[in-house]
Amino acid sequence: MATMSMIQALNSALDVKLSQDPDVLIFGEDVGYFGGVFRVTEGLQRKHGEKRCFDTPISEGGIIATAIGMGAYGLRPVAEIQFADYILPAFDQLVSEAARLRYRSGGEFWAPITVRAPYGGGIFGGQTHSQSPEALFAHVTGLCTVIPSNPYDAKGLLIAAIESNDPVIFLEPKRIYNGPFDGHHDRQVKTWATHPLSDVPEGHYVVPLGKAATVREGRAVTVLAYGTMVHVANAAIEEAGIDAELIDLRSIVPLDVETIVASVTKTGRCVIVHEASRFAGFGSELSALVQERCFFHLKSPIRRVTGWDTPYPHAFEWDYFPGPARVAKALKQAMED
């Protein structure tokens, strides 16, 4: 075991798969010699060579198209999009090709590709480096969408994604990349400096896709979250002093419906937290699912705590960012109804 940040855990996952499987290779903008903007791929080109870890032009559509072609011919490419905000030029390749290839070919070809992308706010990235596009991918049949909240899960989920025969969008929360929060210029977030480091095995292990984790058990209200918002929600539960059950979804497609339904059936209340904009965000699907399957157990309306329906504002980042105070308020309202 070693104590790792999420960056170190992701790097370890990539190193393990490059060492184990000659069909695995990594490419994207600046991932080779430079080791990636966030240093997730640092040292991998030096260890495994330029044919296994290499740089590409600034062409997201080309990066994903290349990955799809490689996957169809038996390789297991891991493509990095430098920021999730810039994945849209590749959206047609993901939707029309990667997600449809197995269906369209009657199972003759498939696209075992993993697309890594840093996502979300909390680093003063402004409107073009802070977005949370997970709902776009969740809507596309044939794509998996995975979002870890801690280093242990990040490594196990990334290995599972690379070994999957389905195309996986692997979104990495930038806010919790580097371990403990320092609270600098961070009015709301400095109160939940929860030290997202984990003891992580150095070898191979898998965290299965589609299986949620119960972060804390409770009987009064269920909180559904993923990524950075798991830490926010945990701090909010402490602040509110409520016996809440916190579920870390870990992947939104496939979704662990069984765990969600069991928890809300037990508590009778549900608060959903995500950083993306509210309208048509993934919380809408979660709310509909809970309403359809747990209606006769609900004691209060389902509540959503989300980002605003605006571009991500640089000047008002900590007002947009759903902090513990907003989540705690929703928890208290759920208990008062």
Protein backbone atom coordinates (compact mmCIF):
# COMPACT_ATOMS: atom_id res chain seq x y z
CA MET A 1 0.00 0.00 0.00
CA ALA A 2 1.05 3.58 -0.64
CA THR A 3 -0.61 6.88 0.23
CA MET A 4 -1.51 8.55 -3.06
CA SER A 5 -3.26 11.60 -4.41
CA MET A 6 -5.71 11.07 -7.26
CA ILE A 7 -3.06 12.12 -9.79
CA GLN A 8 -0.63 9.53 -8.43
CA ALA A 9 -3.33 6.83 -8.37
CA LEU A 10 -4.32 7.49 -11.98
CA ASN A 11 -0.68 7.45 -13.03
CA SER A 12 -0.26 4.13 -11.23
CA ALA A 13 -3.29 2.66 -13.02
CA LEU A 14 -1.90 3.66 -16.41
CA ASP A 15 1.54 2.29 -15.53
CA VAL A 16 0.03 -1.04 -14.42
CA LYS A 17 -1.92 -1.49 -17.65
CA LEU A 18 0.95 -0.40 -19.89
CA SER A 19 3.15 -2.97 -18.13
CA GLN A 20 0.58 -5.77 -18.26
CA ASP A 21 -0.96 -5.39 -21.70
CA PRO A 22 1.02 -4.56 -24.87
CA ASP A 23 -2.24 -3.50 -26.56
CA VAL A 24 -2.68 -0.55 -24.17
CA LEU A 25 -1.30 2.81 -25.29
CA ILE A 26 -1.82 6.42 -24.24
CA PHE A 27 -1.99 9.57 -26.33
CA GLY A 28 -3.29 13.12 -26.28
CA GLU A 29 -2.11 16.71 -26.13
CA ASP A 30 1.11 17.02 -24.09
CA VAL A 31 0.74 13.60 -22.42
CA GLY A 32 4.15 12.31 -23.56
CA TYR A 33 7.36 14.20 -22.77
CA PHE A 34 5.56 16.85 -20.68
CA GLY A 35 3.50 14.31 -18.71
CA GLY A 36 0.17 16.10 -19.16
CA VAL A 37 -0.99 19.51 -17.94
CA PHE A 38 -1.84 17.98 -14.55
CA ARG A 39 1.05 15.47 -14.65
CA VAL A 40 -1.19 12.40 -14.69
CA THR A 41 1.01 10.76 -17.36
CA GLU A 42 4.33 11.96 -15.96
CA GLY A 43 7.17 9.50 -16.51
CA LEU A 44 5.14 7.05 -18.61
CA GLN A 45 6.77 7.91 -21.94
CA ARG A 46 10.22 7.66 -20.38
CA LYS A 47 9.41 4.22 -18.94
CA HIS A 48 7.34 2.69 -21.75
CA GLY A 49 8.60 4.49 -24.84
CA GLU A 50 7.30 6.94 -27.41
CA LYS A 51 5.22 4.32 -29.22
CA ARG A 52 3.19 3.56 -26.08
CA CYS A 53 2.74 7.12 -24.76
CA PHE A 54 2.85 9.96 -27.27
CA ASP A 55 1.67 13.48 -28.06
CA THR A 56 -0.94 14.41 -30.65
CA PRO A 57 -1.87 17.59 -32.50
CA ILE A 58 -4.52 19.85 -30.98
CA SER A 59 -7.40 18.04 -32.66
CA GLU A 60 -9.93 16.44 -30.33
CA GLY A 61 -11.89 14.93 -33.21
CA GLY A 62 -8.72 13.41 -34.59
CA ILE A 63 -7.66 12.06 -31.21
CA ILE A 64 -10.94 10.22 -30.67
CA ALA A 65 -11.23 9.06 -34.30
CA THR A 66 -7.75 7.55 -34.01
CA ALA A 67 -8.69 5.83 -30.76
CA ILE A 68 -11.82 4.32 -32.32
CA GLY A 69 -9.85 2.94 -35.26
CA MET A 70 -7.24 1.47 -32.95
CA GLY A 71 -9.91 -0.10 -30.75
CA ALA A 72 -11.69 -1.65 -33.72
CA TYR A 73 -8.46 -3.41 -34.67
CA GLY A 74 -7.71 -4.86 -31.26
CA LEU A 75 -5.82 -2.20 -29.32
CA ARG A 76 -6.97 -0.63 -26.04
CA PRO A 77 -6.19 3.07 -26.41
CA VAL A 78 -6.46 5.58 -23.56
CA ALA A 79 -7.02 9.02 -25.07
CA GLU A 80 -6.71 12.17 -23.00
CA ILE A 81 -8.73 15.30 -23.71
CA GLN A 82 -6.81 18.03 -21.91
CA PHE A 83 -9.96 19.61 -20.45
CA ALA A 84 -13.47 18.15 -20.67
CA ASP A 85 -14.65 21.54 -21.95
CA TYR A 86 -12.83 20.83 -25.22
CA ILE A 87 -14.32 17.44 -25.91
CA LEU A 88 -17.18 18.82 -28.01
CA PRO A 89 -15.26 18.77 -31.34
CA ALA A 90 -15.02 14.99 -30.78
CA PHE A 91 -18.66 14.56 -29.80
CA ASP A 92 -19.74 13.29 -33.22
CA GLN A 93 -17.02 10.63 -33.19
CA LEU A 94 -18.11 9.50 -29.71
CA VAL A 95 -21.85 9.48 -30.44
CA SER A 96 -21.98 8.34 -34.06
CA GLU A 97 -19.00 5.98 -34.09
CA ALA A 98 -17.71 4.78 -30.72
CA ALA A 99 -21.10 4.36 -29.07
CA ARG A 100 -22.68 2.69 -32.11
CA LEU A 101 -19.90 0.52 -33.51
CA ARG A 102 -20.77 -2.76 -31.80
CA TYR A 103 -24.51 -2.37 -32.51
CA ARG A 104 -24.01 -1.31 -36.11
CA SER A 105 -21.59 -4.16 -36.89
CA GLY A 106 -23.65 -6.84 -35.19
CA GLY A 107 -20.88 -7.41 -32.64
CA GLU A 108 -18.15 -7.86 -35.26
CA PHE A 109 -16.32 -4.72 -34.12
CA TRP A 110 -16.33 -2.73 -30.91
CA ALA A 111 -14.56 0.28 -29.43
CA PRO A 112 -12.73 -0.63 -26.22
CA ILE A 113 -11.48 2.93 -25.73
CA THR A 114 -11.09 5.01 -22.58
CA VAL A 115 -11.35 8.78 -22.87
CA ARG A 116 -9.87 10.58 -19.87
CA ALA A 117 -10.69 14.23 -19.22
CA PRO A 118 -10.25 16.57 -16.23
CA TYR A 119 -13.61 18.18 -15.44
CA GLY A 120 -15.37 20.52 -13.03
CA GLY A 121 -14.46 23.72 -11.23
CA GLY A 122 -12.69 24.78 -8.10
CA ILE A 123 -9.39 25.89 -9.67
CA PHE A 124 -10.40 29.32 -11.03
CA GLY A 125 -10.50 28.03 -14.59
CA GLY A 126 -13.37 30.22 -15.74
CA GLN A 127 -16.06 29.35 -18.22
CA THR A 128 -13.93 27.29 -20.64
CA HIS A 129 -11.96 25.19 -18.13
CA SER A 130 -14.54 24.36 -15.44
CA GLN A 131 -17.54 22.73 -17.07
CA SER A 132 -19.23 19.47 -16.07
CA PRO A 133 -20.56 17.80 -19.25
CA GLU A 134 -21.43 14.38 -17.78
CA ALA A 135 -25.15 14.61 -18.65
CA LEU A 136 -24.31 14.93 -22.35
CA PHE A 137 -22.60 11.55 -22.34
CA ALA A 138 -25.10 9.86 -20.02
CA HIS A 139 -27.77 10.49 -22.65
CA VAL A 140 -25.85 8.55 -25.32
CA THR A 141 -26.69 4.85 -25.42
CA GLY A 142 -23.49 2.83 -25.69
CA LEU A 143 -21.18 5.10 -23.70
CA CYS A 144 -20.17 4.51 -20.09
CA THR A 145 -19.54 7.55 -17.90
CA VAL A 146 -17.35 7.18 -14.81
CA ILE A 147 -16.50 9.82 -12.16
CA PRO A 148 -14.29 8.87 -9.17
CA SER A 149 -14.22 10.78 -5.88
CA ASN A 150 -11.03 9.44 -4.26
CA PRO A 151 -7.65 7.97 -5.25
CA TYR A 152 -8.47 4.34 -4.40
CA ASP A 153 -11.57 4.34 -6.58
CA ALA A 154 -9.86 6.36 -9.30
CA LYS A 155 -7.19 3.70 -9.86
CA GLY A 156 -9.55 0.72 -9.65
CA LEU A 157 -12.17 2.34 -11.88
CA LEU A 158 -9.61 3.41 -14.49
CA ILE A 159 -8.22 -0.12 -14.71
CA ALA A 160 -11.76 -1.45 -15.05
CA ALA A 161 -12.45 1.11 -17.78
CA ILE A 162 -9.36 0.15 -19.78
CA GLU A 163 -10.26 -3.54 -19.50
CA SER A 164 -13.87 -2.93 -20.56
CA ASN A 165 -14.94 -3.66 -24.14
CA ASP A 166 -17.25 -0.63 -24.05
CA PRO A 167 -16.17 2.97 -24.69
CA VAL A 168 -15.76 4.79 -21.37
CA ILE A 169 -15.76 8.52 -20.66
CA PHE A 170 -13.61 8.87 -17.55
CA LEU A 171 -14.10 12.28 -15.94
CA GLU A 172 -11.51 13.28 -13.35
CA PRO A 173 -12.49 16.02 -10.83
CA LYS A 174 -9.74 18.64 -11.00
CA ARG A 175 -10.60 20.06 -7.60
CA ILE A 176 -9.49 16.90 -5.80
CA TYR A 177 -6.55 15.95 -8.04
CA ASN A 178 -3.77 17.01 -5.70
CA GLY A 179 -4.72 15.96 -2.21
CA PRO A 180 -5.50 18.25 0.74
CA PHE A 181 -7.22 21.55 0.05
CA ASP A 182 -5.27 24.61 1.19
CA GLY A 183 -8.31 26.88 1.39
CA HIS A 184 -6.60 29.70 -0.53
CA HIS A 185 -9.18 32.24 -1.70
CA ASP A 186 -11.78 29.62 -0.86
CA ARG A 187 -14.56 31.08 1.27
CA GLN A 188 -16.84 28.07 1.22
CA VAL A 189 -14.50 25.20 0.46
CA LYS A 190 -11.87 25.79 3.13
CA THR A 191 -14.34 24.39 5.70
CA TRP A 192 -14.36 20.98 4.02
CA ALA A 193 -10.63 20.34 3.66
CA THR A 194 -11.20 16.60 3.98
CA HIS A 195 -7.78 15.45 2.70
CA PRO A 196 -8.73 13.28 -0.31
CA LEU A 197 -5.74 10.96 -0.07
CA SER A 198 -6.08 7.18 0.05
CA ASP A 199 -4.08 4.09 0.78
CA VAL A 200 -3.82 2.61 -2.69
CA PRO A 201 -2.43 -0.83 -3.67
CA GLU A 202 0.53 -0.45 -5.99
CA GLY A 203 -0.42 -3.38 -8.24
CA HIS A 204 -3.49 -4.41 -10.21
CA TYR A 205 -7.01 -4.27 -8.77
CA VAL A 206 -10.43 -3.37 -10.12
CA VAL A 207 -13.34 -1.33 -8.79
CA PRO A 208 -16.32 -2.59 -10.82
CA LEU A 209 -18.15 -0.16 -13.07
CA GLY A 210 -21.80 0.38 -12.14
CA LYS A 211 -21.47 -0.21 -8.40
CA ALA A 212 -22.06 2.72 -6.03
CA ALA A 213 -20.39 3.07 -2.64
CA THR A 214 -22.09 3.95 0.65
CA VAL A 215 -19.73 6.55 2.10
CA ARG A 216 -21.70 6.87 5.34
CA GLU A 217 -24.83 5.15 6.54
CA GLY A 218 -27.89 6.95 7.90
CA ARG A 219 -31.64 6.69 8.31
CA ALA A 220 -32.99 10.24 7.94
CA VAL A 221 -32.20 11.26 4.35
CA THR A 222 -30.29 9.92 1.34
CA VAL A 223 -27.72 12.14 -0.40
CA LEU A 224 -26.69 11.18 -3.94
CA ALA A 225 -23.42 12.65 -5.23
CA TYR A 226 -20.31 11.91 -7.28
CA GLY A 227 -16.85 13.35 -7.80
CA THR A 228 -15.92 16.43 -5.76
CA MET A 229 -19.48 16.77 -4.52
CA VAL A 230 -19.08 13.64 -2.38
CA HIS A 231 -16.68 15.61 -0.18
CA VAL A 232 -18.92 18.67 -0.19
CA ALA A 233 -21.94 16.57 0.79
CA ASN A 234 -20.04 14.83 3.56
CA ALA A 235 -19.02 18.19 5.05
CA ALA A 236 -22.61 19.45 4.72
CA ILE A 237 -23.95 16.42 6.60
CA GLU A 238 -21.53 17.14 9.43
CA GLU A 239 -22.52 20.81 9.42
CA ALA A 240 -26.24 20.05 9.47
CA GLY A 241 -25.92 17.38 12.16
CA ILE A 242 -28.37 15.10 10.34
CA ASP A 243 -28.31 11.29 10.21
CA ALA A 244 -27.87 11.20 6.44
CA GLU A 245 -26.82 8.33 4.21
CA LEU A 246 -24.29 9.41 1.57
CA ILE A 247 -24.09 7.45 -1.67
CA ASP A 248 -21.14 7.96 -4.03
CA LEU A 249 -22.46 6.89 -7.43
CA ARG A 250 -18.93 6.44 -8.89
CA SER A 251 -20.38 5.79 -12.35
CA ILE A 252 -23.54 7.36 -13.73
CA VAL A 253 -23.69 4.95 -16.68
CA PRO A 254 -23.96 2.15 -15.75
CA LEU A 255 -25.93 3.35 -12.73
CA ASP A 256 -26.38 1.36 -9.52
CA VAL A 257 -30.16 1.75 -9.34
CA GLU A 258 -30.50 -0.99 -6.73
CA THR A 259 -28.37 0.83 -4.14
CA ILE A 260 -30.19 4.13 -4.74
CA VAL A 261 -33.64 2.61 -4.41
CA ALA A 262 -32.73 0.64 -1.28
CA SER A 263 -31.35 3.75 0.41
CA VAL A 264 -34.26 6.08 -0.43
CA THR A 265 -36.78 3.38 0.50
CA LYS A 266 -35.11 3.23 3.91
CA THR A 267 -34.79 6.99 4.54
CA GLY A 268 -37.84 8.36 2.72
CA ARG A 269 -35.99 11.53 1.71
CA CYS A 270 -33.51 12.38 -1.04
CA VAL A 271 -31.12 15.25 -1.79
CA ILE A 272 -29.17 15.18 -5.06
CA VAL A 273 -25.93 17.14 -5.43
CA HIS A 274 -23.94 17.87 -8.58
CA GLU A 275 -21.77 20.70 -9.82
CA ALA A 276 -23.23 20.93 -13.33
CA SER A 277 -26.05 23.31 -14.21
CA ARG A 278 -29.45 22.38 -12.85
CA PHE A 279 -31.66 22.31 -15.97
CA ALA A 280 -31.45 18.87 -17.65
CA GLY A 281 -28.46 17.97 -15.48
CA PHE A 282 -27.97 14.36 -14.41
CA GLY A 283 -29.81 15.18 -11.20
CA SER A 284 -32.99 15.40 -13.26
CA GLU A 285 -32.65 11.74 -14.23
CA LEU A 286 -31.86 10.76 -10.66
CA SER A 287 -34.91 12.67 -9.41
CA ALA A 288 -37.18 10.98 -11.95
CA LEU A 289 -35.77 7.56 -11.07
CA VAL A 290 -36.37 8.08 -7.33
CA GLN A 291 -39.86 9.45 -7.92
CA GLU A 292 -40.83 6.51 -10.13
CA ARG A 293 -39.43 3.78 -7.90
CA CYS A 294 -39.74 5.18 -4.37
CA PHE A 295 -42.89 7.32 -4.59
CA PHE A 296 -44.82 5.61 -1.80
CA HIS A 297 -41.82 5.83 0.55
CA LEU A 298 -41.08 9.54 0.08
CA LYS A 299 -41.79 11.79 3.06
CA SER A 300 -40.73 15.08 1.43
CA PRO A 301 -40.02 16.45 -2.06
CA ILE A 302 -36.75 15.45 -3.73
CA ARG A 303 -34.27 18.31 -3.67
CA ARG A 304 -31.42 19.18 -6.04
CA VAL A 305 -28.37 21.30 -5.17
CA THR A 306 -26.48 22.22 -8.34
CA GLY A 307 -24.56 24.86 -10.24
CA TRP A 308 -26.39 27.76 -11.83
CA ASP A 309 -27.93 27.75 -15.30
CA THR A 310 -25.21 30.10 -16.54
CA PRO A 311 -21.72 29.80 -17.97
CA TYR A 312 -19.24 29.03 -15.19
CA PRO A 313 -18.42 32.48 -13.71
CA HIS A 314 -14.80 33.17 -12.88
CA ALA A 315 -15.52 36.10 -10.56
CA PHE A 316 -18.26 34.25 -8.63
CA GLU A 317 -16.85 30.74 -8.61
CA TRP A 318 -17.64 30.03 -4.96
CA ASP A 319 -21.21 31.22 -5.34
CA TYR A 320 -21.74 28.98 -8.37
CA PHE A 321 -19.93 26.03 -6.77
CA PRO A 322 -22.44 24.09 -4.60
CA GLY A 323 -20.77 24.41 -1.21
CA PRO A 324 -21.58 22.78 2.15
CA ALA A 325 -23.84 25.66 3.22
CA ARG A 326 -26.20 25.19 0.26
CA VAL A 327 -26.27 21.42 0.71
CA ALA A 328 -26.84 21.69 4.47
CA LYS A 329 -29.76 24.06 3.84
CA ALA A 330 -31.35 21.51 1.48
CA LEU A 331 -30.88 18.75 4.04
CA LYS A 332 -32.60 20.79 6.73
CA GLN A 333 -35.47 21.66 4.38
CA ALA A 334 -35.92 17.99 3.52
CA MET A 335 -36.22 17.16 7.21
CA GLU A 336 -38.67 20.00 7.93
CA ASP A 337 -41.24 19.10 5.24
